[in-house]
C-alpha atoms as a PDB file:
ATOM      1  CA  UNK A   1      41.203  80.185  92.439  1.00  0.00           C
ATOM      2  CA  UNK A   2      40.374  83.671  91.260  1.00  0.00           C
ATOM      3  CA  UNK A   3      42.799  86.372  91.407  1.00  0.00           C
ATOM      4  CA  UNK A   4      40.732  88.434  93.505  1.00  0.00           C
ATOM      5  CA  UNK A   5      39.844  85.803  96.056  1.00  0.00           C
ATOM      6  CA  UNK A   6      43.485  85.072  96.434  1.00  0.00           C
ATOM      7  CA  UNK A   7      44.425  88.596  96.420  1.00  0.00           C
ATOM      8  CA  UNK A   8      41.906  89.211  99.664  1.00  0.00           C
ATOM      9  CA  UNK A   9      43.544  85.987 101.393  1.00  0.00           C
ATOM     10  CA  UNK A  10      47.065  87.291 100.468  1.00  0.00           C
ATOM     11  CA  UNK A  11      46.415  90.762 101.894  1.00  0.00           C
ATOM     12  CA  UNK A  12      44.737  89.264 105.321  1.00  0.00           C
ATOM     13  CA  UNK A  13      47.847  87.106 105.347  1.00  0.00           C
ATOM     14  CA  UNK A  14      50.199  90.127 104.885  1.00  0.00           C
ATOM     15  CA  UNK A  15      48.364  92.227 107.636  1.00  0.00           C
ATOM     16  CA  UNK A  16      48.530  89.297 110.093  1.00  0.00           C
ATOM     17  CA  UNK A  17      52.293  89.015 109.498  1.00  0.00           C
ATOM     18  CA  UNK A  18      52.717  92.891 110.055  1.00  0.00           C
ATOM     19  CA  UNK A  19      50.564  92.474 113.245  1.00  0.00           C
ATOM     20  CA  UNK A  20      52.733  89.597 114.562  1.00  0.00           C
ATOM     21  CA  UNK A  21      55.831  91.403 113.900  1.00  0.00           C
ATOM     22  CA  UNK A  22      54.553  94.760 115.493  1.00  0.00           C
ATOM     23  CA  UNK A  23      53.349  92.755 118.534  1.00  0.00           C
ATOM     24  CA  UNK A  24      56.853  91.142 118.877  1.00  0.00           C
ATOM     25  CA  UNK A  25      58.676  94.561 118.633  1.00  0.00           C
ATOM     26  CA  UNK A  26      56.018  96.221 121.293  1.00  0.00           C
ATOM     27  CA  UNK A  27      56.856  93.068 123.646  1.00  0.00           C
ATOM     28  CA  UNK A  28      60.704  93.554 123.125  1.00  0.00           C
ATOM     29  CA  UNK A  29      60.482  97.167 124.267  1.00  0.00           C
ATOM     30  CA  UNK A  30      58.382  96.047 127.286  1.00  0.00           C
ATOM     31  CA  UNK A  31      60.393  93.074 128.247  1.00  0.00           C
ATOM     32  CA  UNK A  32      59.732  89.997 129.965  1.00  0.00           C
ATOM     33  CA  UNK A  33      56.763  90.049 132.510  1.00  0.00           C
ATOM     34  CA  UNK A  34      56.866  88.031 135.727  1.00  0.00           C
ATOM     35  CA  UNK A  35      53.850  85.449 135.687  1.00  0.00           C
ATOM     36  CA  UNK A  36      52.339  86.826 138.829  1.00  0.00           C
ATOM     37  CA  UNK A  37      48.978  88.650 139.051  1.00  0.00           C
ATOM     38  CA  UNK A  38      50.329  91.989 140.128  1.00  0.00           C
ATOM     39  CA  UNK A  39      52.719  92.010 137.375  1.00  0.00           C
ATOM     40  CA  UNK A  40      50.593  90.873 134.932  1.00  0.00           C
ATOM     41  CA  UNK A  41      48.049  93.636 135.828  1.00  0.00           C
ATOM     42  CA  UNK A  42      50.465  96.173 135.799  1.00  0.00           C
ATOM     43  CA  UNK A  43      52.124  94.994 132.243  1.00  0.00           C
ATOM     44  CA  UNK A  44      48.623  95.070 130.741  1.00  0.00           C
ATOM     45  CA  UNK A  45      48.742  98.769 131.094  1.00  0.00           C
ATOM     46  CA  UNK A  46      52.221  99.009 129.378  1.00  0.00           C
ATOM     47  CA  UNK A  47      51.036  96.532 126.608  1.00  0.00           C
ATOM     48  CA  UNK A  48      47.698  98.564 126.104  1.00  0.00           C
ATOM     49  CA  UNK A  49      49.603 101.867 125.701  1.00  0.00           C
ATOM     50  CA  UNK A  50      52.557 100.551 123.607  1.00  0.00           C
ATOM     51  CA  UNK A  51      52.228 101.992 119.965  1.00  0.00           C
ATOM     52  CA  UNK A  52      53.860  98.852 118.077  1.00  0.00           C
ATOM     53  CA  UNK A  53      51.210  96.765 120.017  1.00  0.00           C
ATOM     54  CA  UNK A  54      48.286  99.043 119.248  1.00  0.00           C
ATOM     55  CA  UNK A  55      49.215  99.087 115.612  1.00  0.00           C
ATOM     56  CA  UNK A  56      49.561  95.287 115.540  1.00  0.00           C
ATOM     57  CA  UNK A  57      46.108  95.067 116.999  1.00  0.00           C
ATOM     58  CA  UNK A  58      45.010  97.340 114.500  1.00  0.00           C
ATOM     59  CA  UNK A  59      46.543  95.232 111.764  1.00  0.00           C
ATOM     60  CA  UNK A  60      44.824  92.252 113.071  1.00  0.00           C
ATOM     61  CA  UNK A  61      41.540  93.972 113.108  1.00  0.00           C
ATOM     62  CA  UNK A  62      41.785  94.969 109.490  1.00  0.00           C
ATOM     63  CA  UNK A  63      43.015  91.229 108.774  1.00  0.00           C
ATOM     64  CA  UNK A  64      39.984  89.781 110.216  1.00  0.00           C
ATOM     65  CA  UNK A  65      37.518  91.838 108.049  1.00  0.00           C
ATOM     66  CA  UNK A  66      39.612  91.147 104.985  1.00  0.00           C
ATOM     67  CA  UNK A  67      40.033  87.554 105.736  1.00  0.00           C
ATOM     68  CA  UNK A  68      36.211  87.293 106.053  1.00  0.00           C
ATOM     69  CA  UNK A  69      35.662  88.737 102.591  1.00  0.00           C
ATOM     70  CA  UNK A  70      38.094  86.369 101.300  1.00  0.00           C
ATOM     71  CA  UNK A  71      36.152  83.485 102.849  1.00  0.00           C
ATOM     72  CA  UNK A  72      32.911  84.575 101.067  1.00  0.00           C
ATOM     73  CA  UNK A  73      34.907  83.794  97.706  1.00  0.00           C
ATOM     74  CA  UNK A  74      36.828  81.013  98.333  1.00  0.00           C
ATOM     75  CA  UNK A  75      36.330  77.615 100.340  1.00  0.00           C
ATOM     76  CA  UNK A  76      37.880  77.525 103.763  1.00  0.00           C
ATOM     77  CA  UNK A  77      39.516  74.105 103.030  1.00  0.00           C
ATOM     78  CA  UNK A  78      41.673  76.075 100.313  1.00  0.00           C
ATOM     79  CA  UNK A  79      41.757  79.458 102.373  1.00  0.00           C
ATOM     80  CA  UNK A  80      42.977  78.202 105.798  1.00  0.00           C
ATOM     81  CA  UNK A  81      46.003  76.269 104.535  1.00  0.00           C
ATOM     82  CA  UNK A  82      47.096  79.372 102.832  1.00  0.00           C
ATOM     83  CA  UNK A  83      47.790  81.048 106.304  1.00  0.00           C
ATOM     84  CA  UNK A  84      50.893  79.085 106.315  1.00  0.00           C
ATOM     85  CA  UNK A  85      52.350  81.466 104.144  1.00  0.00           C
ATOM     86  CA  UNK A  86      52.403  83.812 107.078  1.00  0.00           C
ATOM     87  CA  UNK A  87      55.001  81.331 108.970  1.00  0.00           C
ATOM     88  CA  UNK A  88      57.303  81.586 106.026  1.00  0.00           C
ATOM     89  CA  UNK A  89      56.963  85.248 105.924  1.00  0.00           C
ATOM     90  CA  UNK A  90      57.069  85.890 109.687  1.00  0.00           C
ATOM     91  CA  UNK A  91      60.401  83.668 109.795  1.00  0.00           C
ATOM     92  CA  UNK A  92      61.999  85.494 106.970  1.00  0.00           C
ATOM     93  CA  UNK A  93      61.260  89.075 108.289  1.00  0.00           C
ATOM     94  CA  UNK A  94      62.006  88.096 112.018  1.00  0.00           C
ATOM     95  CA  UNK A  95      65.181  87.329 110.939  1.00  0.00           C
ATOM     96  CA  UNK A  96      65.649  90.293 108.842  1.00  0.00           C
ATOM     97  CA  UNK A  97      64.051  92.742 111.097  1.00  0.00           C
ATOM     98  CA  UNK A  98      64.371  91.555 114.399  1.00  0.00           C
ATOM     99  CA  UNK A  99      67.589  89.434 114.121  1.00  0.00           C
ATOM    100  CA  UNK A 100      66.016  86.269 115.090  1.00  0.00           C
ATOM    101  CA  UNK A 101      67.692  83.005 114.124  1.00  0.00           C
ATOM    102  CA  UNK A 102      66.557  80.876 111.325  1.00  0.00           C
ATOM    103  CA  UNK A 103      68.179  77.488 111.605  1.00  0.00           C
ATOM    104  CA  UNK A 104      68.443  75.065 108.759  1.00  0.00           C
ATOM    105  CA  UNK A 105      65.892  72.997 110.495  1.00  0.00           C
ATOM    106  CA  UNK A 106      63.271  75.825 110.510  1.00  0.00           C
ATOM    107  CA  UNK A 107      64.132  76.601 106.810  1.00  0.00           C
ATOM    108  CA  UNK A 108      63.426  73.032 105.898  1.00  0.00           C
ATOM    109  CA  UNK A 109      60.145  73.197 107.803  1.00  0.00           C
ATOM    110  CA  UNK A 110      59.122  76.262 106.057  1.00  0.00           C
ATOM    111  CA  UNK A 111      59.920  74.609 102.723  1.00  0.00           C
ATOM    112  CA  UNK A 112      57.853  71.808 103.472  1.00  0.00           C
ATOM    113  CA  UNK A 113      54.999  74.152 104.542  1.00  0.00           C
ATOM    114  CA  UNK A 114      55.424  76.242 101.273  1.00  0.00           C
ATOM    115  CA  UNK A 115      55.302  72.861  99.220  1.00  0.00           C
ATOM    116  CA  UNK A 116      52.021  71.834 101.167  1.00  0.00           C
ATOM    117  CA  UNK A 117      50.470  75.244 100.321  1.00  0.00           C
ATOM    118  CA  UNK A 118      51.257  75.018  96.747  1.00  0.00           C
ATOM    119  CA  UNK A 119      49.600  71.658  96.605  1.00  0.00           C
ATOM    120  CA  UNK A 120      46.363  72.944  98.219  1.00  0.00           C
ATOM    121  CA  UNK A 121      46.371  75.912  95.811  1.00  0.00           C
ATOM    122  CA  UNK A 122      46.617  73.948  92.840  1.00  0.00           C
ATOM    123  CA  UNK A 123      43.657  71.332  94.183  1.00  0.00           C
END
């Protein structure tokens, strides 16, 4: 796997991770939304105007472009499993930045994911 190819995929993963954390931070500001049509409609406007959600959406958009650039250089059967790195990053950063719990079972699952990604990357 060429360094530039892996770099593009890694940047896409990092942007996706940032997007998830920003979306969650924005959702935390807004809080839970009732699941009836009126509440969802009203919440849509709040979501659309929340700066963290806008930033997260922007990260996703840039991530998509970078991901496509990476796919022009790498097989999808190798690139797609690399997205799993984002699971580990999201869990660690959500624990650190958002105070979310990361239980031993989650850490074990993340470890298994990382081993799987390493195996795919070496194939």
